[in-house]
C-alpha cells in the first residue's frame, strides 16, 4: 500500500509556519533551507519544490507577515472614526512589538515589501484614512498620499523603538501616543 501524499498546500503552509518559528528562534541568519525543512519535518528539497528555494521561502514569509499585519489593522472595527484611527496606529505598533524580527525582515532591503499582500496591508491603512475622511476627522486630500504620510510616521516611530534608538531613557508608550497626536493634528481638516 502506497503512503498517502500530503497535499501541496499543506506542505507549503507547514514550511511557512516552520519558517516563522525558525525566524523567531534563530533570526534571519538562521533562516536556512535546511533549518526550515527540518522544523517542518520535510526534506530540504521540499523547500525548492513548494517555495522555489530560499528566495521563495523569504518571499512567502514576508507575504504572510503582511497578511498578519493586515489582520491586526482590520481587527480594529470601532465605529468612532477618531477611536479607530488611533487604535489602528496602536495595532500597527503592537504587530511590530509582537513580531520584531519578522517586522524588520518585512521592511528590509532584501525583500520586495510583500508583493500583493503588502499592497493589501497598505490598502487597509488607506481604508482607515477614507473612513476617517468620511467622518470629517481627516482632510479630504488624496487618501493614498495621506496613507503614505501616516505610514511613514508610524513606521519610523516603531522602527526607532524596535532598534532602541534613543540617546536618553524615554517612556516609549508616551512617545508613541505623542506621535499619534502629531499625526492626528497633521491630517486634520484645516
Protein backbone atom coordinates (compact mmCIF):
# COMPACT_ATOMS: atom_id res chain seq x y z
CA UNK A 1 0.00 0.00 0.00
CA UNK A 2 1.42 3.38 -1.04
CA UNK A 3 1.87 6.12 1.52
CA UNK A 4 -0.65 8.95 1.30
CA UNK A 5 0.90 12.15 0.00
CA UNK A 6 0.40 15.38 1.89
CA UNK A 7 -1.38 17.98 -0.27
CA UNK A 8 0.99 20.60 -1.68
CA UNK A 9 -0.90 23.46 0.00
CA UNK A 10 -0.45 21.76 3.38
CA UNK A 11 3.29 21.30 2.81
CA UNK A 12 3.62 24.93 1.74
CA UNK A 13 1.71 26.11 4.83
CA UNK A 14 3.84 23.87 7.07
CA UNK A 15 7.03 25.30 5.55
CA UNK A 16 5.87 28.88 6.06
CA UNK A 17 4.84 28.16 9.67
CA UNK A 18 8.20 26.47 10.24
CA UNK A 19 9.93 29.47 8.69
CA UNK A 20 8.21 31.78 11.18
CA UNK A 21 9.30 29.58 14.09
CA UNK A 22 12.91 29.45 12.85
CA UNK A 23 12.88 33.22 12.32
CA UNK A 24 11.71 33.83 15.90
CA UNK A 25 14.19 31.40 17.40
CA UNK A 26 17.28 31.96 15.24
CA UNK A 27 16.75 35.27 13.43
CA UNK A 28 17.20 35.96 9.75
CA UNK A 29 20.70 34.44 9.72
CA UNK A 30 19.27 31.13 10.94
CA UNK A 31 16.55 31.08 8.30
CA UNK A 32 18.11 28.43 6.06
CA UNK A 33 16.51 25.90 3.77
CA UNK A 34 17.83 23.07 5.94
CA UNK A 35 16.63 24.61 9.21
CA UNK A 36 13.14 25.29 7.89
CA UNK A 37 12.85 21.87 6.26
CA UNK A 38 13.95 20.18 9.49
CA UNK A 39 11.48 22.26 11.52
CA UNK A 40 8.67 21.35 9.11
CA UNK A 41 9.67 17.69 9.03
CA UNK A 42 10.26 17.58 5.28
CA UNK A 43 13.28 17.03 3.08
CA UNK A 44 15.19 20.20 2.12
CA UNK A 45 14.11 19.60 -1.48
CA UNK A 46 10.56 20.33 -0.29
CA UNK A 47 11.51 24.00 0.13
CA UNK A 48 12.62 24.07 -3.50
CA UNK A 49 9.60 22.13 -4.76
CA UNK A 50 6.98 24.14 -2.88
CA UNK A 51 8.57 27.58 -2.46
CA UNK A 52 11.26 27.81 -5.15
CA UNK A 53 14.12 27.77 -2.66
CA UNK A 54 15.39 30.28 -0.16
CA UNK A 55 14.21 33.39 -2.02
CA UNK A 56 10.73 31.92 -2.38
CA UNK A 57 10.74 30.98 1.30
CA UNK A 58 11.66 34.54 2.29
CA UNK A 59 9.00 35.94 -0.03
CA UNK A 60 6.35 33.62 1.39
CA UNK A 61 7.23 34.51 4.99
CA UNK A 62 7.20 38.24 4.22
CA UNK A 63 3.92 37.94 2.32
CA UNK A 64 2.42 36.04 5.26
CA UNK A 65 3.78 38.75 7.57
CA UNK A 66 1.87 41.40 5.63
CA UNK A 67 -1.26 39.24 5.83
CA UNK A 68 -0.77 39.14 9.60
CA UNK A 69 -0.23 42.91 9.76
CA UNK A 70 -3.44 43.43 7.78
CA UNK A 71 -5.26 41.18 10.26
CA UNK A 72 -4.07 43.39 13.14
CA UNK A 73 -5.26 46.50 11.31
CA UNK A 74 -8.62 45.15 10.19
CA UNK A 75 -9.39 43.85 13.67
CA UNK A 76 -9.95 47.48 14.67
CA UNK A 77 -13.66 47.97 13.99
CA UNK A 78 -14.75 50.75 16.33
CA UNK A 79 -17.39 52.91 14.65
CA UNK A 80 -15.99 56.13 16.12
CA UNK A 81 -13.55 57.35 13.48
CA UNK A 82 -11.13 59.01 15.91
CA UNK A 83 -11.00 55.91 18.09
CA UNK A 84 -10.49 53.67 15.04
CA UNK A 85 -7.79 55.96 13.63
CA UNK A 86 -5.75 55.91 16.84
CA UNK A 87 -6.45 52.23 17.58
CA UNK A 88 -5.16 51.27 14.14
CA UNK A 89 -1.94 53.16 14.88
CA UNK A 90 -1.62 51.21 18.12
CA UNK A 91 -2.38 47.95 16.29
CA UNK A 92 0.44 48.68 13.84
CA UNK A 93 2.83 49.15 16.76
CA UNK A 94 1.55 46.06 18.56
CA UNK A 95 2.17 43.94 15.44
CA UNK A 96 5.78 45.15 15.34
CA UNK A 97 6.24 44.55 19.07
CA UNK A 98 4.74 41.06 18.81
CA UNK A 99 6.85 40.19 15.73
CA UNK A 100 10.04 42.28 15.83
CA UNK A 101 12.24 40.02 13.71
CA UNK A 102 9.51 39.47 11.14
CA UNK A 103 8.74 43.20 11.07
CA UNK A 104 12.37 44.05 10.36
CA UNK A 105 12.53 41.38 7.65
CA UNK A 106 9.33 42.68 6.02
CA UNK A 107 10.87 46.11 5.59
CA UNK A 108 14.45 45.06 4.87
CA UNK A 109 16.03 45.97 1.55
CA UNK A 110 16.31 42.23 0.81
CA UNK A 111 12.53 41.90 0.44
CA UNK A 112 10.01 43.29 -2.03
CA UNK A 113 7.54 44.57 0.59
CA UNK A 114 5.33 41.51 0.33
CA UNK A 115 4.03 41.89 -3.21
CA UNK A 116 0.24 41.61 -3.32
CA UNK A 117 -0.02 41.03 0.45
CA UNK A 118 1.97 44.22 1.07
CA UNK A 119 -0.38 46.17 -1.17
CA UNK A 120 -3.40 44.73 0.65
CA UNK A 121 -1.93 45.75 4.01
CA UNK A 122 -1.31 49.25 2.68
CA UNK A 123 -4.87 49.29 1.32
CA UNK A 124 -6.12 48.52 4.83
CA UNK A 125 -4.40 51.68 6.02
CA UNK A 126 -5.94 53.62 3.14
CA UNK A 127 -9.41 52.34 4.09
CA UNK A 128 -8.86 53.68 7.62
CA UNK A 129 -7.93 57.05 6.11
CA UNK A 130 -11.05 57.00 3.90
CA UNK A 131 -13.28 56.12 6.86
CA UNK A 132 -11.72 58.99 8.81
CA UNK A 133 -12.25 61.33 5.86
CA UNK A 134 -15.92 60.34 5.59
CA UNK A 135 -16.27 61.09 9.29
CA UNK A 136 -14.67 64.51 8.88
CA UNK A 137 -11.61 64.00 11.09
CA UNK A 138 -9.12 63.74 8.20
CA UNK A 139 -8.83 66.34 5.47
CA UNK A 140 -10.17 65.39 2.03
CA UNK A 141 -6.77 65.14 0.31
CA UNK A 142 -5.73 62.14 -1.77
CA UNK A 143 -6.21 59.19 0.64
CA UNK A 144 -3.24 57.25 -0.74
CA UNK A 145 -0.87 60.18 -0.25
CA UNK A 146 -2.16 60.64 3.29
CA UNK A 147 -1.67 56.91 3.89
CA UNK A 148 1.97 57.17 2.86
CA UNK A 149 2.49 60.13 5.19
CA UNK A 150 0.82 58.42 8.16
CA UNK A 151 2.58 55.13 7.45
CA UNK A 152 5.94 56.91 7.28
CA UNK A 153 5.34 58.38 10.72
CA UNK A 154 4.21 55.19 12.46
CA UNK A 155 6.82 53.07 10.70
CA UNK A 156 9.57 55.48 11.68
CA UNK A 157 8.45 55.60 15.30
CA UNK A 158 8.09 51.82 15.53
CA UNK A 159 11.43 51.17 13.83
CA UNK A 160 13.21 53.54 16.21
CA UNK A 161 11.53 51.82 19.13
CA UNK A 162 12.48 48.32 17.96
CA UNK A 163 16.07 49.42 17.49
CA UNK A 164 16.03 51.07 20.96
CA UNK A 165 17.21 54.26 19.27
CA UNK A 166 17.23 56.99 21.88
CA UNK A 167 20.18 58.75 23.48
CA UNK A 168 18.20 59.11 26.73
CA UNK A 169 15.70 56.92 28.62
CA UNK A 170 12.17 57.56 27.40
CA UNK A 171 8.64 56.39 28.07
CA UNK A 172 8.04 54.62 24.75
CA UNK A 173 4.28 54.40 25.24
CA UNK A 174 4.03 58.14 25.90
CA UNK A 175 6.26 58.94 22.92
CA UNK A 176 4.15 56.78 20.61
CA UNK A 177 0.94 58.41 21.82
CA UNK A 178 2.60 61.76 21.12
CA UNK A 179 3.41 60.57 17.59
CA UNK A 180 -0.27 59.66 17.14
CA UNK A 181 -1.20 63.15 18.38
CA UNK A 182 1.14 64.73 15.82
CA UNK A 183 -0.30 62.57 13.03
CA UNK A 184 -3.89 63.34 14.03
CA UNK A 185 -3.22 67.08 14.04
CA UNK A 186 -1.25 66.82 10.79
CA UNK A 187 -4.05 65.18 8.81
CA UNK A 188 -6.95 67.13 10.38
CA UNK A 189 -9.07 69.38 8.18
CA UNK A 190 -7.84 72.97 8.05
